[in-house]
N, C-alpha and C. Protein backbone atom coordinates (compact mmCIF):
# COMPACT_ATOMS: atom_id res chain seq x y z
N UNK A 1 83.39 -139.00 -97.24
CA UNK A 1 82.71 -139.28 -96.12
C UNK A 1 81.26 -137.89 -95.89
N UNK A 2 80.43 -138.46 -95.53
CA UNK A 2 79.63 -137.46 -95.18
C UNK A 2 78.68 -137.66 -93.81
N UNK A 3 78.35 -135.88 -93.32
CA UNK A 3 78.56 -135.54 -92.12
C UNK A 3 77.40 -135.18 -91.87
N UNK A 4 76.22 -135.30 -91.01
CA UNK A 4 75.12 -134.69 -90.92
C UNK A 4 74.82 -133.98 -90.06
N UNK A 5 74.28 -132.45 -90.38
CA UNK A 5 74.38 -131.54 -89.32
C UNK A 5 73.59 -130.49 -90.29
N UNK A 6 72.89 -130.04 -88.88
CA UNK A 6 72.23 -128.22 -89.31
C UNK A 6 71.03 -128.92 -90.78
N UNK A 7 70.41 -129.71 -90.63
CA UNK A 7 69.46 -130.46 -91.66
C UNK A 7 70.47 -130.48 -92.94
N UNK A 8 71.46 -130.98 -92.92
CA UNK A 8 72.64 -130.66 -94.53
C UNK A 8 73.26 -131.94 -94.00
N UNK A 9 73.66 -132.35 -95.30
CA UNK A 9 74.81 -133.14 -95.11
C UNK A 9 75.79 -132.82 -96.11
N UNK A 10 76.99 -132.36 -95.28
CA UNK A 10 78.26 -132.10 -96.03
C UNK A 10 79.16 -133.26 -96.43
N UNK A 11 79.57 -133.22 -97.38
CA UNK A 11 80.76 -133.87 -98.06
C UNK A 11 81.97 -133.12 -97.26
N UNK A 12 82.70 -134.48 -97.25
CA UNK A 12 83.81 -133.97 -96.17
C UNK A 12 84.64 -134.88 -96.79
N UNK A 13 85.98 -134.45 -97.14
CA UNK A 13 87.30 -135.22 -97.66
C UNK A 13 88.10 -136.28 -96.38
N UNK A 14 88.24 -137.40 -96.85
CA UNK A 14 88.45 -138.30 -96.04
C UNK A 14 90.04 -137.73 -95.96
N UNK A 15 90.68 -138.15 -94.71
CA UNK A 15 92.37 -138.05 -94.18
C UNK A 15 93.09 -139.13 -94.03
N UNK A 16 94.57 -138.86 -94.69
CA UNK A 16 95.33 -140.20 -93.97
C UNK A 16 95.40 -140.47 -92.74
N UNK A 17 95.88 -141.78 -92.41
CA UNK A 17 96.44 -142.14 -91.06
C UNK A 17 97.13 -141.03 -90.26
N UNK A 18 98.38 -140.68 -90.90
CA UNK A 18 99.45 -139.74 -90.81
C UNK A 18 98.23 -138.30 -90.31
N UNK A 19 97.74 -137.63 -91.45
CA UNK A 19 96.93 -136.48 -91.21
C UNK A 19 95.85 -136.78 -89.55
N UNK A 20 95.33 -137.75 -89.42
CA UNK A 20 94.69 -137.94 -88.01
C UNK A 20 95.61 -138.12 -86.85
N UNK A 21 97.05 -138.91 -86.85
CA UNK A 21 97.62 -138.48 -85.72
C UNK A 21 98.37 -136.97 -85.75
N UNK A 22 98.40 -136.25 -87.12
CA UNK A 22 98.67 -134.89 -86.68
C UNK A 22 97.58 -134.14 -85.72
N UNK A 23 95.81 -134.59 -85.86
CA UNK A 23 94.65 -133.97 -85.67
C UNK A 23 94.85 -134.21 -84.13
N UNK A 24 95.60 -135.41 -83.89
CA UNK A 24 95.34 -135.91 -82.46
C UNK A 24 96.07 -135.63 -81.59
N UNK A 25 97.39 -135.10 -82.35
CA UNK A 25 98.48 -134.67 -81.54
C UNK A 25 98.17 -133.08 -81.16
N UNK A 26 97.33 -132.84 -82.39
CA UNK A 26 97.13 -130.95 -82.17
C UNK A 26 96.18 -131.39 -80.76
N UNK A 27 95.01 -132.30 -80.60
CA UNK A 27 93.84 -132.03 -79.80
C UNK A 27 94.56 -132.35 -78.54
N UNK A 28 95.53 -133.25 -78.33
CA UNK A 28 96.30 -133.36 -76.99
C UNK A 28 96.69 -132.22 -76.31
N UNK A 29 97.04 -131.02 -77.27
CA UNK A 29 97.43 -129.42 -76.31
C UNK A 29 96.13 -128.79 -76.45
N UNK A 30 95.32 -129.03 -77.07
CA UNK A 30 93.95 -128.15 -76.83
C UNK A 30 93.41 -128.70 -76.04
N UNK A 31 93.43 -129.50 -75.48
CA UNK A 31 92.64 -130.45 -74.66
C UNK A 31 93.04 -130.83 -73.20
N UNK A 32 94.63 -130.27 -72.82
CA UNK A 32 94.65 -130.36 -71.61
C UNK A 32 94.69 -129.75 -70.48
N UNK A 33 94.91 -130.53 -69.44
CA UNK A 33 95.27 -129.76 -68.09
C UNK A 33 94.02 -129.04 -67.51
N UNK A 34 93.02 -129.43 -68.04
CA UNK A 34 91.52 -128.69 -67.68
C UNK A 34 92.07 -127.15 -67.67
N UNK A 35 93.11 -126.75 -68.56
CA UNK A 35 93.42 -125.26 -69.01
C UNK A 35 93.02 -124.72 -69.96
N UNK A 36 93.04 -123.28 -70.01
CA UNK A 36 92.04 -122.47 -71.54
C UNK A 36 93.03 -122.67 -72.52
N UNK A 37 93.55 -123.59 -73.36
CA UNK A 37 93.92 -123.37 -74.45
C UNK A 37 93.00 -123.29 -75.57
N UNK A 38 92.60 -122.35 -76.01
CA UNK A 38 92.23 -121.49 -76.63
C UNK A 38 92.83 -121.33 -78.05
N UNK A 39 93.99 -120.94 -77.87
CA UNK A 39 94.77 -121.20 -79.15
C UNK A 39 95.23 -121.94 -79.80
N UNK A 40 95.31 -122.88 -79.24
CA UNK A 40 96.00 -124.36 -79.45
C UNK A 40 94.16 -125.30 -79.61
N UNK A 41 93.09 -124.52 -79.29
CA UNK A 41 92.00 -125.86 -79.55
C UNK A 41 91.53 -125.17 -81.12
N UNK A 42 92.25 -123.95 -81.48
CA UNK A 42 91.90 -122.97 -82.94
C UNK A 42 92.61 -123.71 -84.32
N UNK A 43 93.98 -123.64 -83.69
CA UNK A 43 94.65 -124.03 -83.92
C UNK A 43 94.27 -125.62 -85.02
N UNK A 44 93.36 -126.73 -84.08
CA UNK A 44 93.40 -127.94 -84.10
C UNK A 44 92.12 -127.42 -85.11
N UNK A 45 91.13 -126.62 -84.82
CA UNK A 45 90.26 -126.73 -85.41
C UNK A 45 90.01 -126.38 -86.95
N UNK A 46 91.25 -124.76 -86.98
CA UNK A 46 91.13 -124.49 -88.51
C UNK A 46 91.85 -125.49 -89.22
N UNK A 47 93.03 -126.49 -88.64
CA UNK A 47 93.89 -127.75 -89.21
C UNK A 47 92.50 -128.52 -89.59
N UNK A 48 91.42 -128.55 -89.01
CA UNK A 48 89.97 -129.17 -89.62
C UNK A 48 89.46 -129.10 -90.63
N UNK A 49 89.37 -127.86 -90.35
CA UNK A 49 88.72 -127.27 -91.64
C UNK A 49 89.67 -127.09 -92.80
N UNK A 50 90.76 -127.05 -92.70
CA UNK A 50 91.69 -127.36 -94.11
C UNK A 50 91.70 -128.49 -94.41
N UNK A 51 91.60 -129.49 -93.88
CA UNK A 51 91.81 -130.97 -94.83
C UNK A 51 90.12 -131.03 -94.90
N UNK A 52 89.06 -131.19 -94.34
CA UNK A 52 87.81 -131.42 -94.44
C UNK A 52 87.36 -131.16 -95.93
N UNK A 53 87.78 -130.02 -96.61
CA UNK A 53 87.47 -129.49 -97.62
C UNK A 53 86.20 -128.89 -97.56
N UNK A 54 85.76 -128.72 -96.44
CA UNK A 54 84.97 -127.77 -96.85
C UNK A 54 85.16 -126.12 -97.02
N UNK A 55 84.67 -125.20 -98.09
CA UNK A 55 84.80 -124.05 -98.13
C UNK A 55 84.25 -122.76 -97.71
N UNK A 56 84.54 -121.62 -98.01
CA UNK A 56 83.75 -120.67 -97.15
C UNK A 56 82.59 -120.68 -97.38
N UNK A 57 82.13 -120.71 -99.24
CA UNK A 57 80.64 -120.54 -99.82
C UNK A 57 79.87 -121.76 -99.16
N UNK A 58 80.51 -123.17 -98.32
CA UNK A 58 79.60 -123.99 -97.94
C UNK A 58 79.25 -123.37 -97.09
N UNK A 59 80.07 -122.64 -96.40
CA UNK A 59 79.68 -122.10 -94.16
C UNK A 59 79.23 -120.91 -94.87
N UNK A 60 79.18 -120.10 -95.61
CA UNK A 60 78.02 -119.28 -95.54
C UNK A 60 76.53 -118.74 -94.73
N UNK A 61 75.96 -120.24 -95.15
CA UNK A 61 74.63 -120.14 -94.02
C UNK A 61 74.22 -120.11 -93.13
N UNK A 62 75.88 -120.56 -92.31
CA UNK A 62 75.76 -120.85 -91.05
C UNK A 62 76.64 -119.84 -89.75
N UNK A 63 76.18 -119.80 -88.63
CA UNK A 63 77.29 -118.81 -87.98
C UNK A 63 77.97 -119.28 -87.51
N UNK A 64 78.71 -118.11 -87.15
CA UNK A 64 80.33 -118.83 -86.43
C UNK A 64 80.41 -120.28 -85.57
N UNK A 65 79.17 -119.93 -84.15
CA UNK A 65 79.06 -120.81 -83.78
C UNK A 65 78.81 -121.99 -84.33
N UNK A 66 77.75 -122.65 -85.38
CA UNK A 66 77.50 -123.34 -86.14
C UNK A 66 78.78 -124.04 -86.69
N UNK A 67 79.83 -122.95 -86.97
CA UNK A 67 80.80 -123.55 -88.11
C UNK A 67 81.42 -124.36 -87.05
N UNK A 68 82.01 -123.92 -85.66
CA UNK A 68 82.63 -124.47 -84.79
C UNK A 68 82.31 -125.63 -84.43
N UNK A 69 81.01 -125.93 -84.39
CA UNK A 69 80.28 -127.44 -83.97
C UNK A 69 80.23 -128.08 -84.91
N UNK A 70 80.05 -127.57 -86.94
CA UNK A 70 80.55 -128.26 -87.65
C UNK A 70 81.70 -128.88 -87.34
N UNK A 71 82.59 -128.43 -87.41
CA UNK A 71 84.34 -128.45 -87.33
C UNK A 71 84.47 -129.33 -86.06
N UNK A 72 84.05 -129.55 -84.93
CA UNK A 72 84.22 -130.56 -83.68
C UNK A 72 83.68 -131.70 -84.09
N UNK A 73 82.38 -131.40 -85.02
CA UNK A 73 81.84 -132.72 -85.38
C UNK A 73 82.98 -133.52 -86.46
N UNK A 74 83.27 -132.81 -87.59
CA UNK A 74 84.28 -133.39 -88.20
C UNK A 74 85.53 -134.10 -87.63
N UNK A 75 86.11 -133.60 -86.80
CA UNK A 75 87.10 -133.79 -85.87
C UNK A 75 87.16 -135.39 -85.06
N UNK A 76 85.53 -135.38 -84.67
CA UNK A 76 84.79 -136.54 -84.16
C UNK A 76 84.97 -137.52 -84.80
N UNK A 77 84.31 -137.51 -86.23
CA UNK A 77 84.02 -138.40 -87.28
C UNK A 77 85.47 -139.11 -87.71
N UNK A 78 86.49 -138.09 -87.47
CA UNK A 78 87.73 -138.34 -88.42
C UNK A 78 88.87 -139.16 -86.92
N UNK A 79 88.49 -138.70 -86.12
CA UNK A 79 89.06 -139.84 -84.73
C UNK A 79 88.27 -141.11 -84.70
N UNK A 80 87.11 -141.40 -85.38
CA UNK A 80 86.33 -142.12 -84.78
C UNK A 80 85.67 -142.81 -83.62
N UNK A 81 84.77 -141.14 -82.67
CA UNK A 81 84.77 -140.77 -81.35
C UNK A 81 83.51 -140.70 -81.36
N UNK A 82 82.52 -140.85 -82.26
CA UNK A 82 81.10 -140.82 -82.78
C UNK A 82 80.69 -142.51 -82.59
N UNK A 83 79.94 -141.78 -81.41
CA UNK A 83 79.16 -143.33 -80.87
C UNK A 83 78.29 -144.23 -82.11
N UNK A 84 78.32 -145.29 -81.82
CA UNK A 84 78.18 -146.32 -82.84
C UNK A 84 76.87 -147.38 -82.25
N UNK A 85 75.71 -147.18 -83.04
CA UNK A 85 74.60 -148.40 -82.94
C UNK A 85 74.97 -149.55 -83.05
N UNK A 86 75.06 -150.32 -81.64
CA UNK A 86 75.39 -152.13 -81.56
C UNK A 86 74.25 -152.70 -81.86
């Protein structure tokens, strides 16, 4: 799987159905009740990082804010939430 972001094409590991379900459940905790669920958000993002196969070396050239944006984009791709051209 490939994700294009920050003028780079990132090679991302594919995940299983069971792993998608796990991420979905983590996201429900992170984005519930319009409350600040920062701890749950970082659990989700950290799990996306683990599953994605992206390494520290891959991330050295971007800022922490960009790392979070990349991981959010990977999550979006995993969940099939990206808008498709029709």
